[in-house]
């Protein structure tokens, strides 16, 4: 049998990637691909860059050759449109048409929503950053394979300004919290299936720390911190959790538990995507 093949779709432009790396972060698709290889050691993981002008993107036939496609987060806003956004929406529509299992984190969820006929807006509650609090599974979520072995209520690493405004037809909300009504969803469109979450199961603590430092001026204006020193201490806590995720003092300080500090729990949604959606479809396609 051939090795499983996965595709990671980078949501950021080349300029956005450059800016983030200069701040000490990693290219989103690189980190995502590394995690998927870790979760599925047999998999070959490719990356594409649809936000880049002149990018060579797979067509429907090419997408059918993949066993799964994951879309990263992004600093873009889907409602602003433009070539970098439109190319990603069209690519995700092609993924649906190819009937290749899709996973979207944050921006990836939003693009999957718009590609299937829904809409996205700037969140009326403002930014959600650091830890998404009290994300709650509903009845459908508790029964859904995306959340196998996940607690009914959990925290997750998150950063987003935008959220789903209106769901497409044949979409099922799986999880919510007090900030955003749609924290997780299953979307069925044009023969394809997408599982998406508004948070970032693929992120390590260090990525959120880098983002906090990179946008600290905005966070001060938005009222998250009193001053730069307070913002720096919060980022330092995240760096400390990267080195020792079982630091009880910091976990207690931020009100988090094993759903975030235990890596296997933090990345469980992606593991469940592989086990609960990709592998069964791969078997149905005669590839396993």
Foldseek 3Di string as FASTA:
>chain_A
DDFAEEEEEQLEEPVQQVLLVVLPAHRFRVLLQVVVCVLPVRYDYYYWYQLYPPTDDDALVRLLSHLEYEYTDYPDDLVVDDRSNVSLLVNLLSNLQSQHEYEYEAVGVQSNFVSQPFHKDFFPVFKDAAKDAFKAFDPVLVVDLLQVVADRTAIAGAIDRMATDTGHPPKDATIQDPRYRHQWIWHHHNNYIYTYGNGPLSDQLLSSLSVLVSCVVVCCVVPVDVDPVRSNVSSVLSVVLSVPLPPVVSCVVVVHDCCYSVSCNSNVSVSSCCVPPSVVVCVVVVND
